[in-house]
Protein backbone atom coordinates (compact mmCIF):
# COMPACT_ATOMS: atom_id res chain seq x y z
CA UNK A 1 -8.81 7.01 -13.08
CA UNK A 2 -7.92 3.92 -12.17
CA UNK A 3 -9.91 3.62 -9.47
CA UNK A 4 -10.80 0.69 -7.30
CA UNK A 5 -13.97 0.05 -5.32
CA UNK A 6 -15.32 -3.48 -3.95
CA UNK A 7 -17.96 -4.35 -1.63
CA UNK A 8 -18.19 -7.19 0.99
CA UNK A 9 -20.48 -9.24 3.31
CA UNK A 10 -21.77 -6.23 5.71
CA UNK A 11 -20.95 -8.20 8.30
CA UNK A 12 -16.95 -7.74 7.32
CA UNK A 13 -14.51 -5.28 7.12
CA UNK A 14 -15.66 -2.73 4.37
CA UNK A 15 -12.62 -2.75 1.84
CA UNK A 16 -11.60 0.40 1.99
CA UNK A 17 -12.67 3.73 3.96
CA UNK A 18 -10.71 6.04 1.75
CA UNK A 19 -12.15 4.55 -1.47
CA UNK A 20 -15.69 4.26 -0.24
CA UNK A 21 -15.53 8.08 0.13
CA UNK A 22 -14.21 8.91 -3.28
CA UNK A 23 -16.95 6.83 -4.37
CA UNK A 24 -19.78 8.83 -2.61
CA UNK A 25 -17.83 11.69 -4.06
CA UNK A 26 -17.82 10.77 -7.27
CA UNK A 27 -20.97 9.85 -7.36
CA UNK A 28 -22.57 12.76 -5.91
CA UNK A 29 -20.75 15.73 -6.14
CA UNK A 30 -19.36 14.79 -9.65
CA UNK A 31 -21.88 17.50 -11.13
CA UNK A 32 -19.94 20.30 -8.44
CA UNK A 33 -16.58 18.93 -9.59
CA UNK A 34 -14.92 21.07 -11.30
CA UNK A 35 -11.26 20.90 -13.40
CA UNK A 36 -8.56 23.18 -12.40
CA UNK A 37 -5.60 23.52 -14.97
CA UNK A 38 -2.33 25.26 -14.00
CA UNK A 39 0.81 25.58 -16.16
CA UNK A 40 3.98 25.74 -14.10
CA UNK A 41 7.53 26.38 -15.32
CA UNK A 42 10.16 25.35 -12.49
CA UNK A 43 13.29 26.93 -13.02
CA UNK A 44 16.28 28.58 -11.32
CA UNK A 45 16.77 32.25 -10.78
CA UNK A 46 18.54 34.68 -8.17
CA UNK A 47 16.04 36.21 -5.44
CA UNK A 48 16.74 37.54 -1.97
CA UNK A 49 14.19 36.15 0.35
CA UNK A 50 16.39 37.38 3.27
CA UNK A 51 18.20 39.55 1.53
CA UNK A 52 21.13 37.50 0.84
CA UNK A 53 21.17 37.22 -2.70
CA UNK A 54 21.36 33.14 -3.96
CA UNK A 55 19.92 30.80 -6.47
CA UNK A 56 16.35 29.52 -5.72
CA UNK A 57 14.28 26.92 -7.76
CA UNK A 58 11.42 29.02 -8.38
CA UNK A 59 7.43 28.19 -9.81
CA UNK A 60 6.60 30.89 -12.27
CA UNK A 61 9.00 33.21 -11.06
CA UNK A 62 7.90 32.78 -7.83
CA UNK A 63 9.03 30.94 -4.01
CA UNK A 64 6.55 29.71 -2.49
CA UNK A 65 4.63 29.12 -5.28
CA UNK A 66 1.33 29.71 -6.68
CA UNK A 67 -1.76 28.76 -4.14
CA UNK A 68 -3.57 25.80 -5.47
CA UNK A 69 -7.49 26.85 -4.93
CA UNK A 70 -10.16 24.14 -5.26
CA UNK A 71 -12.89 22.41 -3.90
CA UNK A 72 -13.50 19.39 -2.70
CA UNK A 73 -13.99 16.80 -5.45
CA UNK A 74 -11.73 18.94 -7.80
CA UNK A 75 -9.45 17.57 -10.54
CA UNK A 76 -6.23 19.13 -10.34
CA UNK A 77 -4.15 19.30 -13.83
CA UNK A 78 -0.66 20.72 -13.19
CA UNK A 79 1.54 21.05 -16.49
CA UNK A 80 4.72 21.06 -14.96
CA UNK A 81 7.89 22.51 -17.53
CA UNK A 82 11.20 21.50 -15.76
CA UNK A 83 13.71 24.25 -16.51
CA UNK A 84 16.15 23.68 -14.22
CA UNK A 85 18.54 22.62 -17.22
CA UNK A 86 20.96 20.05 -15.46
CA UNK A 87 18.81 18.91 -13.07
CA UNK A 88 15.98 16.76 -12.63
CA UNK A 89 12.48 17.49 -10.58
CA UNK A 90 9.72 16.08 -8.64
CA UNK A 91 6.47 17.95 -7.09
CA UNK A 92 5.07 15.93 -4.08
CA UNK A 93 1.32 16.95 -3.15
CA UNK A 94 1.81 16.50 0.83
CA UNK A 95 -1.46 15.70 2.10
CA UNK A 96 -3.07 14.99 -1.25
CA UNK A 97 -4.17 10.69 -0.45
CA UNK A 98 -3.77 10.03 -4.70
CA UNK A 99 -6.35 7.31 -4.38
CA UNK A 100 -6.59 5.58 -7.77
CA UNK A 101 -3.39 7.98 -8.79
CA UNK A 102 -0.51 6.69 -7.08
CA UNK A 103 1.71 7.71 -10.14
CA UNK A 104 0.87 11.06 -9.32
CA UNK A 105 2.11 11.41 -5.57
CA UNK A 106 5.10 12.60 -7.34
CA UNK A 107 7.83 10.78 -5.24
CA UNK A 108 11.01 9.86 -7.13
CA UNK A 109 12.54 6.46 -6.73
CA UNK A 110 9.23 5.25 -5.14
CA UNK A 111 6.51 6.64 -7.65
CA UNK A 112 7.79 7.79 -10.51
CA UNK A 113 10.85 8.81 -12.73
CA UNK A 114 12.23 12.36 -12.22
CA UNK A 115 11.33 15.09 -14.47
CA UNK A 116 14.34 15.20 -16.70
CA UNK A 117 15.46 18.71 -17.49
CA UNK A 118 13.39 20.15 -20.47
CA UNK A 119 10.48 17.97 -20.33
CA UNK A 120 7.04 18.43 -19.23
CA UNK A 121 5.03 16.31 -17.31
CA UNK A 122 1.50 16.25 -16.54
CA UNK A 123 -0.17 15.75 -12.88
CA UNK A 124 -3.60 14.51 -12.69
CA UNK A 125 -5.01 14.15 -9.05
CA UNK A 126 -8.73 14.63 -7.28
CA UNK A 127 -8.69 16.41 -3.99
CA UNK A 128 -10.87 13.86 -2.56
CA UNK A 129 -11.13 16.26 1.07
CA UNK A 130 -11.64 20.34 2.09
CA UNK A 131 -8.84 21.37 3.92
CA UNK A 132 -5.38 22.65 4.09
CA UNK A 133 -2.13 20.59 2.08
CA UNK A 134 0.71 21.43 0.87
CA UNK A 135 3.72 20.68 -2.54
CA UNK A 136 7.25 20.33 -3.16
CA UNK A 137 10.07 19.63 -4.40
CA UNK A 138 10.77 15.34 -3.66
CA UNK A 139 13.90 14.88 -5.65
CA UNK A 140 16.85 15.12 -3.95
CA UNK A 141 16.95 17.90 -1.19
CA UNK A 142 15.34 20.65 -3.65
CA UNK A 143 12.81 21.45 -1.28
CA UNK A 144 15.06 23.83 0.82
CA UNK A 145 16.29 25.42 -2.46
CA UNK A 146 12.25 27.36 -2.74
CA UNK A 147 10.40 24.75 -4.09
CA UNK A 148 7.20 24.38 -2.34
CA UNK A 149 3.98 25.97 -2.02
CA UNK A 150 0.37 25.25 -0.70
CA UNK A 151 -3.03 23.46 -1.80
CA UNK A 152 -5.96 25.10 0.17
CA UNK A 153 -9.20 22.95 -0.67
CA UNK A 154 -12.49 24.26 0.28
CA UNK A 155 -15.38 22.29 1.48
CA UNK A 156 -18.74 21.51 -0.47
CA UNK A 157 -21.38 24.85 -1.18
CA UNK A 158 -23.67 22.81 1.09
CA UNK A 159 -21.28 22.14 3.81
CA UNK A 160 -20.73 24.41 6.84
CA UNK A 161 -17.60 24.21 8.41
CA UNK A 162 -17.70 23.58 12.46
CA UNK A 163 -16.14 27.54 13.14
CA UNK A 164 -16.65 31.00 11.95
CA UNK A 165 -14.07 33.25 10.16
CA UNK A 166 -14.62 36.54 7.87
CA UNK A 167 -11.85 35.81 5.57
CA UNK A 168 -8.93 33.32 5.09
CA UNK A 169 -5.12 33.74 4.63
CA UNK A 170 -2.19 31.31 4.12
CA UNK A 171 1.42 31.28 6.10
CA UNK A 172 4.25 28.78 5.49
CA UNK A 173 7.04 28.76 7.44
CA UNK A 174 10.45 27.69 6.77
CA UNK A 175 14.24 27.80 7.56
CA UNK A 176 16.95 29.22 5.18
CA UNK A 177 20.65 28.47 4.20
CA UNK A 178 22.84 30.42 2.06
CA UNK A 179 24.50 27.20 1.28
CA UNK A 180 23.39 25.54 -1.82
CA UNK A 181 21.82 21.76 -1.41
CA UNK A 182 24.53 20.14 -3.35
CA UNK A 183 27.16 22.09 -0.65
CA UNK A 184 25.24 19.96 1.83
CA UNK A 185 24.54 16.98 0.34
CA UNK A 186 27.73 16.81 -0.57
CA UNK A 187 29.13 17.15 3.33
CA UNK A 188 26.87 15.18 4.46
CA UNK A 189 28.15 11.90 2.01
CA UNK A 190 31.58 12.36 2.87
CA UNK A 191 34.37 11.33 4.97
CA UNK A 192 34.61 13.27 7.34
CA UNK A 193 30.78 14.08 7.59
CA UNK A 194 30.16 17.48 7.15
CA UNK A 195 26.80 18.56 9.41
CA UNK A 196 24.99 21.32 7.32
CA UNK A 197 24.63 23.49 10.76
CA UNK A 198 21.62 25.61 11.62
CA UNK A 199 19.65 28.06 8.97
CA UNK A 200 20.84 31.26 8.55
CA UNK A 201 17.30 32.36 8.41
CA UNK A 202 13.62 31.80 9.11
CA UNK A 203 11.16 32.87 6.46
CA UNK A 204 7.55 33.67 7.33
CA UNK A 205 5.85 32.85 4.03
CA UNK A 206 9.34 33.65 1.76
CA UNK A 207 10.51 36.41 3.23
CA UNK A 208 12.93 37.12 6.16
CA UNK A 209 15.70 39.26 7.04
CA UNK A 210 19.42 38.55 7.69
CA UNK A 211 22.19 40.62 9.14
CA UNK A 212 23.77 42.11 6.09
CA UNK A 213 26.28 43.50 8.44
CA UNK A 214 27.52 40.26 9.46
CA UNK A 215 31.29 39.61 9.03
CA UNK A 216 30.57 36.27 6.68
CA UNK A 217 28.89 38.48 4.16
CA UNK A 218 31.09 39.99 1.06
CA UNK A 219 30.13 42.73 -1.07
CA UNK A 220 27.27 44.81 -0.73
CA UNK A 221 25.41 43.03 -4.01
CA UNK A 222 25.52 39.59 -2.13
CA UNK A 223 23.34 40.94 1.09
CA UNK A 224 21.17 43.75 0.40
CA UNK A 225 18.82 44.80 2.85
CA UNK A 226 16.98 47.30 0.39
CA UNK A 227 16.26 44.28 -1.50
CA UNK A 228 12.10 44.01 -1.89
CA UNK A 229 12.40 40.18 -1.96
CA UNK A 230 12.92 40.44 1.89
CA UNK A 231 10.52 42.87 2.88
CA UNK A 232 8.86 41.40 5.92
CA UNK A 233 5.27 39.50 5.03
CA UNK A 234 2.54 41.84 5.94
CA UNK A 235 -1.10 40.35 7.05
CA UNK A 236 -3.44 42.94 6.87
CA UNK A 237 -6.62 42.99 9.21
CA UNK A 238 -9.55 44.79 9.60
CA UNK A 239 -10.58 45.68 13.37
CA UNK A 240 -13.21 43.08 14.89
CA UNK A 241 -12.86 40.76 12.20
CA UNK A 242 -11.56 37.05 12.55
CA UNK A 243 -8.81 35.78 10.14
CA UNK A 244 -8.38 32.40 9.23
CA UNK A 245 -4.71 31.91 8.98
CA UNK A 246 -3.70 28.30 7.06
CA UNK A 247 -0.50 27.80 9.43
CA UNK A 248 2.01 25.33 8.16
CA UNK A 249 5.86 24.34 7.72
CA UNK A 250 8.36 23.00 5.03
CA UNK A 251 11.18 23.41 7.29
CA UNK A 252 14.56 21.39 6.33
CA UNK A 253 15.52 21.13 9.99
CA UNK A 254 14.35 23.46 12.25
CA UNK A 255 10.79 22.73 14.58
CA UNK A 256 9.21 25.95 14.47
CA UNK A 257 6.90 28.12 16.82
CA UNK A 258 4.76 30.51 15.54
CA UNK A 259 3.12 33.25 17.36
CA UNK A 260 1.46 36.81 17.05
CA UNK A 261 2.54 39.15 19.85
CA UNK A 262 -0.72 40.06 21.84
CA UNK A 263 -3.32 37.29 19.90
CA UNK A 264 -5.01 34.35 20.82
CA UNK A 265 -4.92 31.47 17.95
CA UNK A 266 -7.84 29.69 18.33
CA UNK A 267 -6.44 25.87 16.59
CA UNK A 268 -9.14 24.42 14.38
CA UNK A 269 -7.85 21.98 11.93
CA UNK A 270 -4.88 20.35 11.52
CA UNK A 271 -3.51 18.19 8.33
CA UNK A 272 -7.22 18.68 7.39
CA UNK A 273 -8.86 17.09 9.56
CA UNK A 274 -10.68 19.21 12.06
CA UNK A 275 -9.81 19.69 15.62
CA UNK A 276 -11.52 20.29 19.07
CA UNK A 277 -10.97 23.59 19.26
CA UNK A 278 -8.40 25.09 22.01
CA UNK A 279 -7.14 28.46 22.38
CA UNK A 280 -2.65 28.65 22.87
CA UNK A 281 -0.41 31.82 22.59
CA UNK A 282 1.77 30.00 20.04
CA UNK A 283 1.76 27.36 18.58
CA UNK A 284 4.29 24.47 17.92
CA UNK A 285 4.32 23.47 13.92
CA UNK A 286 6.86 20.46 12.67
CA UNK A 287 7.91 20.13 9.11
CA UNK A 288 5.31 18.54 7.14
CA UNK A 289 2.15 20.12 9.26
CA UNK A 290 -0.61 22.55 8.43
CA UNK A 291 -2.89 24.31 10.76
CA UNK A 292 -5.54 26.44 10.81
CA UNK A 293 -5.83 29.31 13.78
CA UNK A 294 -8.10 32.03 14.29
CA UNK A 295 -6.95 34.94 15.46
CA UNK A 296 -9.53 37.60 16.18
CA UNK A 297 -8.37 41.31 15.62
CA UNK A 298 -9.18 42.83 19.30
CA UNK A 299 -6.43 44.61 20.26
CA UNK A 300 -5.33 48.29 20.11
CA UNK A 301 -6.14 49.32 16.19
CA UNK A 302 -3.85 52.38 16.28
CA UNK A 303 -0.63 50.00 16.04
CA UNK A 304 0.39 47.00 14.19
CA UNK A 305 1.70 43.79 15.68
CA UNK A 306 4.51 41.36 15.19
CA UNK A 307 3.98 37.98 14.24
CA UNK A 308 7.05 35.69 14.88
CA UNK A 309 8.51 31.98 14.21
CA UNK A 310 11.28 30.69 17.00
CA UNK A 311 13.41 27.24 16.60
CA UNK A 312 12.30 25.33 19.25
CA UNK A 313 13.58 21.90 20.46
CA UNK A 314 17.22 22.48 19.08
CA UNK A 315 19.28 25.39 20.68
CA UNK A 316 18.81 27.79 18.66
CA UNK A 317 21.15 30.41 16.52
CA UNK A 318 18.63 31.15 14.27
CA UNK A 319 17.79 34.91 14.66
CA UNK A 320 13.61 35.15 14.93
CA UNK A 321 11.44 35.48 11.91
CA UNK A 322 9.24 38.19 11.35
CA UNK A 323 6.30 39.10 9.69
CA UNK A 324 3.50 42.08 10.50
CA UNK A 325 0.03 41.75 11.56
CA UNK A 326 -1.34 44.87 10.17
CA UNK A 327 -4.29 46.75 11.39
CA UNK A 328 -6.31 48.13 9.01
CA UNK A 329 -5.76 51.73 8.08
CA UNK A 330 -2.48 51.90 9.83
CA UNK A 331 0.46 51.76 6.81
CA UNK A 332 2.04 48.20 6.28
CA UNK A 333 5.22 49.54 6.74
CA UNK A 334 4.63 51.30 10.15
CA UNK A 335 6.81 49.09 12.42
CA UNK A 336 5.35 47.79 15.84
CA UNK A 337 6.52 49.52 18.68
CA UNK A 338 7.53 46.78 21.12
CA UNK A 339 9.90 43.81 20.92
CA UNK A 340 9.20 40.60 19.43
CA UNK A 341 8.21 37.77 20.93
CA UNK A 342 10.68 35.61 21.74
CA UNK A 343 8.77 32.02 22.05
CA UNK A 344 8.51 29.06 24.33
CA UNK A 345 12.14 27.53 26.12
CA UNK A 346 13.53 25.74 23.05
CA UNK A 347 14.18 22.96 25.25
CA UNK A 348 10.91 22.77 27.13
CA UNK A 349 10.03 19.22 26.44
CA UNK A 350 6.89 18.63 28.41
CA UNK A 351 5.53 22.18 26.86
CA UNK A 352 5.85 20.43 23.73
CA UNK A 353 4.45 17.27 24.80
CA UNK A 354 1.57 18.82 26.30
CA UNK A 355 0.61 20.34 23.10
CA UNK A 356 0.42 17.16 20.75
CA UNK A 357 -1.94 16.25 23.29
CA UNK A 358 -4.26 18.49 23.07
CA UNK A 359 -5.08 17.98 19.60
CA UNK A 360 -8.59 15.70 19.17
CA UNK A 361 -10.71 15.51 16.69
CA UNK A 362 -13.69 17.95 16.84
CA UNK A 363 -16.60 15.82 18.26
CA UNK A 364 -18.90 16.24 15.27
CA UNK A 365 -16.28 14.64 13.32
CA UNK A 366 -14.57 11.83 14.41
CA UNK A 367 -13.99 9.11 12.18
CA UNK A 368 -13.13 6.57 15.37
CA UNK A 369 -10.59 3.84 14.69
CA UNK A 370 -10.61 0.13 14.18
CA UNK A 371 -10.11 -1.19 17.78
CA UNK A 372 -7.63 -3.77 16.97
CA UNK A 373 -4.37 -3.84 14.54
CA UNK A 374 -3.67 -6.37 12.71
CA UNK A 375 0.02 -5.98 12.58
CA UNK A 376 2.75 -3.67 14.74
CA UNK A 377 5.29 -2.53 13.25
CA UNK A 378 8.03 -0.86 16.03
CA UNK A 379 10.55 1.65 14.22
CA UNK A 380 13.70 2.58 16.34
CA UNK A 381 15.11 5.84 14.86
CA UNK A 382 18.80 5.86 15.74
CA UNK A 383 21.90 7.64 14.19
CA UNK A 384 24.82 5.17 12.94
CA UNK A 385 27.81 4.64 11.07
CA UNK A 386 27.74 2.40 8.09
CA UNK A 387 31.76 1.83 6.59
CA UNK A 388 32.61 5.58 7.68
CA UNK A 389 29.77 6.87 7.03
CA UNK A 390 27.35 9.20 8.79
CA UNK A 391 23.84 7.41 8.81
CA UNK A 392 20.45 7.72 10.21
CA UNK A 393 18.76 4.16 10.50
CA UNK A 394 15.19 2.79 11.19
CA UNK A 395 15.64 -0.71 13.35
CA UNK A 396 19.53 -0.11 12.50
CA UNK A 397 18.64 -0.60 8.18
CA UNK A 398 19.58 3.18 6.59
CA UNK A 399 17.10 3.60 3.06
CA UNK A 400 18.63 4.14 0.15
CA UNK A 401 16.50 4.94 -2.74
CA UNK A 402 16.77 2.75 -5.76
CA UNK A 403 17.31 3.21 -9.57
CA UNK A 404 14.00 1.97 -10.50
CA UNK A 405 10.61 3.27 -8.83
CA UNK A 406 9.24 0.68 -7.05
CA UNK A 407 5.76 1.36 -7.97
CA UNK A 408 6.33 0.54 -11.98
CA UNK A 409 9.01 -2.36 -10.41
CA UNK A 410 6.03 -4.22 -8.44
CA UNK A 411 3.09 -3.70 -10.80
CA UNK A 412 5.59 -4.52 -13.70
CA UNK A 413 6.46 -7.70 -12.24
CA UNK A 414 10.11 -7.40 -13.13
CA UNK A 415 11.71 -10.89 -12.67
CA UNK A 416 15.25 -9.34 -11.68
CA UNK A 417 15.82 -7.60 -8.60
CA UNK A 418 15.86 -4.12 -8.77
CA UNK A 419 15.35 -3.72 -4.81
CA UNK A 420 16.60 -5.26 -2.21
CA UNK A 421 13.94 -8.49 -1.49
CA UNK A 422 14.82 -9.20 2.31
CA UNK A 423 11.78 -6.91 4.28
CA UNK A 424 13.69 -4.81 6.74
CA UNK A 425 12.81 -6.12 10.32
CA UNK A 426 8.89 -5.04 11.92
CA UNK A 427 10.34 -4.58 15.63
CA UNK A 428 13.86 -4.01 17.55
CA UNK A 429 15.11 -5.08 20.87
CA UNK A 430 13.90 -3.04 22.89
CA UNK A 431 13.78 -5.39 26.00
CA UNK A 432 17.76 -5.00 25.96
CA UNK A 433 17.88 -1.59 23.69
CA UNK A 434 19.06 1.63 26.33
CA UNK A 435 17.69 4.51 24.42
CA UNK A 436 19.30 7.10 26.80
CA UNK A 437 23.15 6.22 25.61
CA UNK A 438 25.35 6.42 22.80
CA UNK A 439 25.03 2.92 21.24
CA UNK A 440 27.92 1.88 18.87
CA UNK A 441 24.78 -0.34 16.80
CA UNK A 442 27.75 -2.20 15.10
CA UNK A 443 25.30 -4.03 12.44
CA UNK A 444 23.60 -1.11 10.72
CA UNK A 445 23.18 -1.67 7.14
CA UNK A 446 22.07 -0.05 4.17
CA UNK A 447 19.12 -1.16 2.03
CA UNK A 448 15.74 -0.47 -0.52
CA UNK A 449 13.97 -3.36 1.09
CA UNK A 450 10.08 -2.49 1.33
CA UNK A 451 7.40 -3.19 3.83
CA UNK A 452 4.34 -5.66 2.38
CA UNK A 453 1.45 -4.77 3.75
CA UNK A 454 -1.59 -7.20 3.55
CA UNK A 455 -4.37 -4.94 1.97
CA UNK A 456 -7.14 -3.58 3.63
CA UNK A 457 -5.23 -4.42 7.48
CA UNK A 458 -5.21 -2.21 10.09
CA UNK A 459 -1.31 -1.55 10.79
CA UNK A 460 0.25 0.00 13.92
CA UNK A 461 3.30 1.87 13.71
CA UNK A 462 5.56 2.93 16.93
CA UNK A 463 8.11 5.77 16.29
CA UNK A 464 10.18 5.10 19.27
CA UNK A 465 13.47 8.12 19.64
CA UNK A 466 15.96 7.16 20.85
CA UNK A 467 19.95 9.05 21.79
CA UNK A 468 21.86 9.92 18.75
CA UNK A 469 25.74 9.57 18.28
CA UNK A 470 26.34 12.43 20.67
CA UNK A 471 25.48 11.75 24.30
CA UNK A 472 22.54 13.47 25.98
CA UNK A 473 21.43 14.55 22.40
CA UNK A 474 17.80 13.05 20.89
CA UNK A 475 16.34 15.34 18.29
CA UNK A 476 12.75 15.93 17.30
CA UNK A 477 11.46 13.98 14.18
CA UNK A 478 8.50 14.89 11.87
CA UNK A 479 7.35 11.45 10.19
CA UNK A 480 5.33 12.03 7.10
CA UNK A 481 2.98 9.50 5.85
CA UNK A 482 2.15 9.35 2.01
CA UNK A 483 -1.17 8.20 0.55
CA UNK A 484 -2.74 7.87 3.64
CA UNK A 485 -3.94 9.67 6.99
CA UNK A 486 -3.34 7.86 10.37
CA UNK A 487 -5.35 8.25 13.73
CA UNK A 488 -2.75 9.22 16.11
CA UNK A 489 -3.31 6.85 19.10
CA UNK A 490 -0.78 8.42 21.64
CA UNK A 491 2.42 9.66 22.89
CA UNK A 492 4.66 8.72 25.22
CA UNK A 493 7.96 9.38 27.12
CA UNK A 494 10.82 6.90 27.25
CA UNK A 495 10.97 3.48 26.12
CA UNK A 496 7.78 1.90 24.79
CA UNK A 497 6.27 -0.67 26.79
CA UNK A 498 4.11 -2.61 23.96
CA UNK A 499 2.05 -4.94 26.66
CA UNK A 500 1.51 -1.56 28.70
CA UNK A 501 1.34 1.42 26.47
CA UNK A 502 -1.37 0.32 24.47
CA UNK A 503 -3.63 0.03 27.60
CA UNK A 504 -3.60 3.73 26.85
CA UNK A 505 -4.31 4.39 23.78
CA UNK A 506 -7.10 6.92 22.69
CA UNK A 507 -9.52 5.29 20.82
CA UNK A 508 -12.58 7.99 21.23
CA UNK A 509 -11.36 10.56 19.45
CA UNK A 510 -8.11 10.84 18.34
CA UNK A 511 -6.83 13.44 15.50
CA UNK A 512 -6.05 11.87 11.87
CA UNK A 513 -2.97 13.11 10.70
CA UNK A 514 -0.11 12.99 7.59
CA UNK A 515 2.84 13.85 9.94
CA UNK A 516 3.31 13.55 13.13
CA UNK A 517 6.22 14.44 15.63
CA UNK A 518 8.10 12.11 17.79
CA UNK A 519 9.54 13.86 20.49
CA UNK A 520 12.49 13.80 22.21
CA UNK A 521 13.34 10.47 24.01
CA UNK A 522 9.92 9.68 23.37
CA UNK A 523 7.53 7.63 21.48
CA UNK A 524 4.39 8.44 19.15
CA UNK A 525 2.16 5.79 17.85
CA UNK A 526 -0.22 5.78 14.86
CA UNK A 527 -2.56 3.61 13.49
CA UNK A 528 -3.71 3.29 9.75
CA UNK A 529 -6.02 1.07 7.66
CA UNK A 530 -3.51 -0.04 4.49
CA UNK A 531 -6.64 0.32 1.63
CA UNK A 532 -4.88 2.52 -0.89
CA UNK A 533 -3.46 0.66 -3.81
CA UNK A 534 0.36 1.27 -4.12
CA UNK A 535 3.84 2.02 -3.08
CA UNK A 536 4.21 4.83 -0.38
CA UNK A 537 7.09 6.35 1.12
CA UNK A 538 6.94 7.26 5.27
CA UNK A 539 9.76 9.56 6.57
CA UNK A 540 11.42 11.78 8.96
CA UNK A 541 10.35 15.34 7.16
CA UNK A 542 13.74 17.06 7.76
CA UNK A 543 15.46 17.03 4.69
CA UNK A 544 18.64 15.97 6.08
CA UNK A 545 17.81 12.92 8.15
CA UNK A 546 15.57 11.64 4.89
CA UNK A 547 18.82 11.86 2.53
CA UNK A 548 20.73 10.04 5.24
CA UNK A 549 18.26 7.37 5.07
CA UNK A 550 15.80 8.03 7.71
CA UNK A 551 12.73 6.40 5.79
CA UNK A 552 10.91 3.53 4.49
CA UNK A 553 8.55 2.30 1.58
CA UNK A 554 5.42 0.47 2.24
CA UNK A 555 3.56 -1.58 -0.52
CA UNK A 556 0.12 -2.73 -0.69
CA UNK A 557 -2.43 -4.34 -2.72
CA UNK A 558 -0.15 -3.45 -5.95
CA UNK A 559 -1.68 -5.37 -8.20
CA UNK A 560 -5.30 -3.34 -8.02
CA UNK A 561 -3.58 -0.35 -9.22
CA UNK A 562 -4.80 0.84 -12.43
CA UNK A 563 -2.64 0.52 -16.12
CA UNK A 564 0.49 2.92 -15.27
CA UNK A 565 1.20 6.07 -17.35
CA UNK A 566 4.47 5.53 -19.31
CA UNK A 567 5.22 9.26 -18.86
CA UNK A 568 6.29 8.34 -14.97
CA UNK A 569 8.72 5.93 -16.81
CA UNK A 570 12.47 6.19 -18.21
CA UNK A 571 14.80 5.30 -15.51
CA UNK A 572 16.72 2.30 -14.30
CA UNK A 573 14.72 -1.20 -15.51
CA UNK A 574 12.15 1.24 -17.11
CA UNK A 575 13.90 2.27 -19.71
CA UNK A 576 12.67 -1.18 -21.65
CA UNK A 577 9.33 -0.28 -21.05
CA UNK A 578 9.59 2.82 -23.23
CA UNK A 579 8.83 2.14 -26.93
CA UNK A 580 10.58 4.49 -29.78
């Protein structure tokens, strides 16, 4: 596995909490651990997830793809055949830290070369923590074509979770476009700039319903409401029983709110970590986030109920996504007699911020963060014009992936330059920058430089939101960190104050996550330990925003990474490493 472990003097910091946990796992649970082997074929095929027929990327003929079901400590092997014929592919295992296997993170350009058409690639990694996770494409904008699915990791047999339920279900929320990813990417890269627009539909576990009577639709072959592909998703419950819903979002643009008509949702898990339970009528789920909510079937059992997904944070033009909560023994197709939930006000930023602040670590499962950090990086998210192209930037640097993956370039110590050696800035001119107005940002540049972190150092990252290039507009950005979990230390409105705001950090019971929202005109502070040898992406999880440059790359302890498999090579300068 290439696992690196090191001990230091007891008076000093343990080299790596994550690796320590992995060591305990390997030494105490080796007998119970299993190898779970999956054989997948990825290919395009015509489907109608919202009744509109288009090409989707399916795994073994399905989208969402197969759910990976495992137990903590198991080894997952995915034998992936790329049958897209004319298109590369890579799959990221979202929330899996890849301790000892950074080459299996599945991030094209960062940890591996893409999988070329006709090629079979083997991902192998350990699921070292229980919880609810995701997988999805990480090449271009393929995720929004349907290449995604869930990972469900159970606790060991002897471990009891701090909540009870009768059965377990998985629901992925998504938004859905009728244009291909190629059309969208071309518009984003063009002069003049062509925005992707709002999605046509919202899907609940791969199913939605578009209005086929729309004048924009051509023939009945294009859009057909009788297609079984777009029958509503049905969640069947038994009266009096409690279901655990592992709820997540892989939307490409939209922030979403989920609600089940007439039922409370008790939040108990976030991104694989137990939460101090709290009850809500509806829950905001940002792209890349996972939650477990408990729902008790305690309403009138003679009828069914709506489950609804609605757009928040952007002015919604997309209809509500609908599914059915089916009370057994009612027929699943029995339509609920009431109107579907419409969700909270889309522009109520105080409501969204208040819900984020509710998420704390469970009292019995608090992992205390280091009380101080060794380095603070403040990242200002802005829209920019660079040489006439519309870009997203971080501290006025817009990110581009290199042709040679960082992990290979750094591990192999390529002597010539394969990416920019100038590191991006750790901060911006926060004293003089006005986040509330449209800024010209005339010095914006494009770069693929990276942040080099001292191994085992504690790093704070503060994400600062600002006005876009449209007046009085600031968007919500969900940021995802590969290879780590981080403590969410705090959220705030307005401009972050590096002197006063750290005094208000939650160091008592902060939740640990891998994806976090930065609310409009606000900031989010997080802390993590750079203890996982490798090279890791950190980026906005909105497809168009990352494509347009909204991300960074972090390197830590790459010299400690084990021998790289040749299967991740073959592109850019790594061609020289493949012997014929």
